[in-house]
Amino acid sequence: MIGFGTTMNNVMKECAGDGHWFQADDTSQLEDAFEQIAKSLAELRVSK
């Protein structure tokens, strides 16, 4: 879950789970969040 233009509250964080949510306050942070998600998916594919 990515909070962009909003603050991640505890309900959102708990719903997403530890390490599965991102707070993006600007476009640079949003791009970083998507890069981290893409790297996680690539690692998942390599490990299968």
PDB file of N, CA and C in Angstrom:
ATOM      1  N   MET A   1       0.842  -1.148   0.000  1.00  0.00           N
ATOM      2  CA  MET A   1       0.000   0.000   0.000  1.00  0.00           C
ATOM      3  C   MET A   1       0.900   1.228   0.000  1.00  0.00           C
ATOM      4  N   ILE A   2       0.538   2.190  -0.820  1.00  0.00           N
ATOM      5  CA  ILE A   2       1.309   3.428  -0.899  1.00  0.00           C
ATOM      6  C   ILE A   2       0.400   4.596  -0.532  1.00  0.00           C
ATOM      7  N   GLY A   3       0.830   5.363   0.452  1.00  0.00           N
ATOM      8  CA  GLY A   3       0.118   6.583   0.807  1.00  0.00           C
ATOM      9  C   GLY A   3       0.745   7.749   0.061  1.00  0.00           C
ATOM     10  N   PHE A   4       0.054   8.261  -0.931  1.00  0.00           N
ATOM     11  CA  PHE A   4       0.562   9.398  -1.708  1.00  0.00           C
ATOM     12  C   PHE A   4      -0.461  10.517  -1.602  1.00  0.00           C
ATOM     13  N   GLY A   5      -0.040  11.626  -1.017  1.00  0.00           N
ATOM     14  CA  GLY A   5      -0.972  12.730  -0.828  1.00  0.00           C
ATOM     15  C   GLY A   5      -1.843  12.542   0.396  1.00  0.00           C
ATOM     16  N   THR A   6      -1.529  11.539   1.199  1.00  0.00           N
ATOM     17  CA  THR A   6      -2.256  11.275   2.433  1.00  0.00           C
ATOM     18  C   THR A   6      -1.282  10.676   3.432  1.00  0.00           C
ATOM     19  N   THR A   7      -1.616  10.763   4.680  1.00  0.00           N
ATOM     20  CA  THR A   7      -0.769  10.188   5.709  1.00  0.00           C
ATOM     21  C   THR A   7      -1.239   8.778   6.020  1.00  0.00           C
ATOM     22  N   MET A   8      -0.314   7.854   6.062  1.00  0.00           N
ATOM     23  CA  MET A   8      -0.654   6.469   6.399  1.00  0.00           C
ATOM     24  C   MET A   8      -1.015   6.412   7.882  1.00  0.00           C
ATOM     25  N   ASN A   9      -2.246   6.006   8.185  1.00  0.00           N
ATOM     26  CA  ASN A   9      -2.630   5.858   9.574  1.00  0.00           C
ATOM     27  C   ASN A   9      -2.418   4.409  10.016  1.00  0.00           C
ATOM     28  N   ASN A  10      -2.596   4.138  11.279  1.00  0.00           N
ATOM     29  CA  ASN A  10      -2.324   2.799  11.809  1.00  0.00           C
ATOM     30  C   ASN A  10      -3.197   1.718  11.187  1.00  0.00           C
ATOM     31  N   VAL A  11      -4.439   2.038  10.853  1.00  0.00           N
ATOM     32  CA  VAL A  11      -5.327   1.058  10.224  1.00  0.00           C
ATOM     33  C   VAL A  11      -4.764   0.647   8.866  1.00  0.00           C
ATOM     34  N   MET A  12      -4.314   1.624   8.089  1.00  0.00           N
ATOM     35  CA  MET A  12      -3.751   1.324   6.767  1.00  0.00           C
ATOM     36  C   MET A  12      -2.478   0.506   6.894  1.00  0.00           C
ATOM     37  N   LYS A  13      -1.618   0.886   7.850  1.00  0.00           N
ATOM     38  CA  LYS A  13      -0.362   0.169   8.057  1.00  0.00           C
ATOM     39  C   LYS A  13      -0.612  -1.267   8.493  1.00  0.00           C
ATOM     40  N   GLU A  14      -1.558  -1.473   9.410  1.00  0.00           N
ATOM     41  CA  GLU A  14      -1.861  -2.818   9.882  1.00  0.00           C
ATOM     42  C   GLU A  14      -2.481  -3.662   8.781  1.00  0.00           C
ATOM     43  N   CYS A  15      -3.290  -3.049   7.947  1.00  0.00           N
ATOM     44  CA  CYS A  15      -3.909  -3.765   6.827  1.00  0.00           C
ATOM     45  C   CYS A  15      -2.845  -4.244   5.842  1.00  0.00           C
ATOM     46  N   ALA A  16      -1.891  -3.383   5.554  1.00  0.00           N
ATOM     47  CA  ALA A  16      -0.828  -3.731   4.607  1.00  0.00           C
ATOM     48  C   ALA A  16       0.153  -4.735   5.201  1.00  0.00           C
ATOM     49  N   GLY A  17       0.437  -4.620   6.481  1.00  0.00           N
ATOM     50  CA  GLY A  17       1.399  -5.519   7.128  1.00  0.00           C
ATOM     51  C   GLY A  17       2.782  -4.894   7.178  1.00  0.00           C
ATOM     52  N   ASP A  18       3.575  -5.366   8.115  1.00  0.00           N
ATOM     53  CA  ASP A  18       4.929  -4.835   8.294  1.00  0.00           C
ATOM     54  C   ASP A  18       5.746  -4.952   7.013  1.00  0.00           C
ATOM     55  N   GLY A  19       6.359  -3.854   6.638  1.00  0.00           N
ATOM     56  CA  GLY A  19       7.230  -3.847   5.468  1.00  0.00           C
ATOM     57  C   GLY A  19       6.503  -3.827   4.137  1.00  0.00           C
ATOM     58  N   HIS A  20       5.170  -3.700   4.163  1.00  0.00           N
ATOM     59  CA  HIS A  20       4.400  -3.721   2.919  1.00  0.00           C
ATOM     60  C   HIS A  20       3.632  -2.438   2.673  1.00  0.00           C
ATOM     61  N   TRP A  21       4.077  -1.366   3.307  1.00  0.00           N
ATOM     62  CA  TRP A  21       3.452  -0.075   3.059  1.00  0.00           C
ATOM     63  C   TRP A  21       4.537   0.978   2.870  1.00  0.00           C
ATOM     64  N   PHE A  22       4.189   2.007   2.125  1.00  0.00           N
ATOM     65  CA  PHE A  22       5.129   3.075   1.810  1.00  0.00           C
ATOM     66  C   PHE A  22       4.430   4.422   1.986  1.00  0.00           C
ATOM     67  N   GLN A  23       5.164   5.389   2.488  1.00  0.00           N
ATOM     68  CA  GLN A  23       4.680   6.771   2.583  1.00  0.00           C
ATOM     69  C   GLN A  23       5.430   7.581   1.540  1.00  0.00           C
ATOM     70  N   ALA A  24       4.721   8.154   0.592  1.00  0.00           N
ATOM     71  CA  ALA A  24       5.336   8.965  -0.460  1.00  0.00           C
ATOM     72  C   ALA A  24       4.747  10.366  -0.406  1.00  0.00           C
ATOM     73  N   ASP A  25       5.582  11.316  -0.022  1.00  0.00           N
ATOM     74  CA  ASP A  25       5.125  12.696   0.096  1.00  0.00           C
ATOM     75  C   ASP A  25       5.347  13.507  -1.169  1.00  0.00           C
ATOM     76  N   ASP A  26       6.136  12.967  -2.107  1.00  0.00           N
ATOM     77  CA  ASP A  26       6.367  13.666  -3.370  1.00  0.00           C
ATOM     78  C   ASP A  26       6.641  12.629  -4.457  1.00  0.00           C
ATOM     79  N   THR A  27       6.771  13.082  -5.688  1.00  0.00           N
ATOM     80  CA  THR A  27       6.936  12.146  -6.806  1.00  0.00           C
ATOM     81  C   THR A  27       8.234  11.346  -6.713  1.00  0.00           C
ATOM     82  N   SER A  28       9.270  11.948  -6.169  1.00  0.00           N
ATOM     83  CA  SER A  28      10.536  11.224  -6.014  1.00  0.00           C
ATOM     84  C   SER A  28      10.372  10.040  -5.065  1.00  0.00           C
ATOM     85  N   GLN A  29       9.709  10.252  -3.954  1.00  0.00           N
ATOM     86  CA  GLN A  29       9.468   9.169  -3.003  1.00  0.00           C
ATOM     87  C   GLN A  29       8.525   8.123  -3.587  1.00  0.00           C
ATOM     88  N   LEU A  30       7.579   8.561  -4.415  1.00  0.00           N
ATOM     89  CA  LEU A  30       6.668   7.624  -5.070  1.00  0.00           C
ATOM     90  C   LEU A  30       7.440   6.717  -6.030  1.00  0.00           C
ATOM     91  N   GLU A  31       8.352   7.295  -6.801  1.00  0.00           N
ATOM     92  CA  GLU A  31       9.185   6.507  -7.711  1.00  0.00           C
ATOM     93  C   GLU A  31      10.049   5.519  -6.928  1.00  0.00           C
ATOM     94  N   ASP A  32      10.598   5.964  -5.804  1.00  0.00           N
ATOM     95  CA  ASP A  32      11.409   5.072  -4.956  1.00  0.00           C
ATOM     96  C   ASP A  32      10.589   3.905  -4.441  1.00  0.00           C
ATOM     97  N   ALA A  33       9.358   4.165  -4.043  1.00  0.00           N
ATOM     98  CA  ALA A  33       8.489   3.104  -3.543  1.00  0.00           C
ATOM     99  C   ALA A  33       8.238   2.054  -4.627  1.00  0.00           C
ATOM    100  N   PHE A  34       7.936   2.504  -5.848  1.00  0.00           N
ATOM    101  CA  PHE A  34       7.698   1.563  -6.937  1.00  0.00           C
ATOM    102  C   PHE A  34       8.965   0.795  -7.304  1.00  0.00           C
ATOM    103  N   GLU A  35      10.117   1.434  -7.202  1.00  0.00           N
ATOM    104  CA  GLU A  35      11.379   0.733  -7.461  1.00  0.00           C
ATOM    105  C   GLU A  35      11.601  -0.374  -6.430  1.00  0.00           C
ATOM    106  N   GLN A  36      11.320  -0.085  -5.168  1.00  0.00           N
ATOM    107  CA  GLN A  36      11.464  -1.101  -4.120  1.00  0.00           C
ATOM    108  C   GLN A  36      10.503  -2.260  -4.355  1.00  0.00           C
ATOM    109  N   ILE A  37       9.278  -1.961  -4.761  1.00  0.00           N
ATOM    110  CA  ILE A  37       8.292  -3.008  -5.048  1.00  0.00           C
ATOM    111  C   ILE A  37       8.772  -3.853  -6.225  1.00  0.00           C
ATOM    112  N   ALA A  38       9.284  -3.219  -7.274  1.00  0.00           N
ATOM    113  CA  ALA A  38       9.769  -3.952  -8.448  1.00  0.00           C
ATOM    114  C   ALA A  38      10.943  -4.865  -8.086  1.00  0.00           C
ATOM    115  N   LYS A  39      11.863  -4.377  -7.253  1.00  0.00           N
ATOM    116  CA  LYS A  39      12.996  -5.202  -6.829  1.00  0.00           C
ATOM    117  C   LYS A  39      12.521  -6.414  -6.038  1.00  0.00           C
ATOM    118  N   SER A  40      11.535  -6.219  -5.177  1.00  0.00           N
ATOM    119  CA  SER A  40      10.988  -7.335  -4.398  1.00  0.00           C
ATOM    120  C   SER A  40      10.365  -8.387  -5.304  1.00  0.00           C
ATOM    121  N   LEU A  41       9.651  -7.929  -6.327  1.00  0.00           N
ATOM    122  CA  LEU A  41       9.038  -8.874  -7.266  1.00  0.00           C
ATOM    123  C   LEU A  41      10.097  -9.618  -8.072  1.00  0.00           C
ATOM    124  N   ALA A  42      11.152  -8.910  -8.469  1.00  0.00           N
ATOM    125  CA  ALA A  42      12.225  -9.555  -9.227  1.00  0.00           C
ATOM    126  C   ALA A  42      12.915 -10.619  -8.376  1.00  0.00           C
ATOM    127  N   GLU A  43      13.157 -10.319  -7.108  1.00  0.00           N
ATOM    128  CA  GLU A  43      13.770 -11.304  -6.206  1.00  0.00           C
ATOM    129  C   GLU A  43      12.866 -12.505  -6.008  1.00  0.00           C
ATOM    130  N   LEU A  44      11.585 -12.268  -5.950  1.00  0.00           N
ATOM    131  CA  LEU A  44      10.620 -13.358  -5.787  1.00  0.00           C
ATOM    132  C   LEU A  44      10.666 -14.287  -6.991  1.00  0.00           C
ATOM    133  N   ARG A  45      10.751 -13.739  -8.198  1.00  0.00           N
ATOM    134  CA  ARG A  45      10.817 -14.553  -9.406  1.00  0.00           C
ATOM    135  C   ARG A  45      12.109 -15.356  -9.470  1.00  0.00           C
ATOM    136  N   VAL A  46      13.213 -14.770  -9.054  1.00  0.00           N
ATOM    137  CA  VAL A  46      14.497 -15.446  -9.099  1.00  0.00           C
ATOM    138  C   VAL A  46      14.538 -16.613  -8.110  1.00  0.00           C
ATOM    139  N   SER A  47      13.854 -16.463  -6.986  1.00  0.00           N
ATOM    140  CA  SER A  47      13.903 -17.499  -5.956  1.00  0.00           C
ATOM    141  C   SER A  47      13.003 -18.682  -6.251  1.00  0.00           C
ATOM    142  N   LYS A  48      12.083 -18.574  -7.196  1.00  0.00           N
ATOM    143  CA  LYS A  48      11.160 -19.691  -7.473  1.00  0.00           C
ATOM    144  C   LYS A  48      11.741 -20.692  -8.408  1.00  0.00           C
TER     145      LYS A  48
END
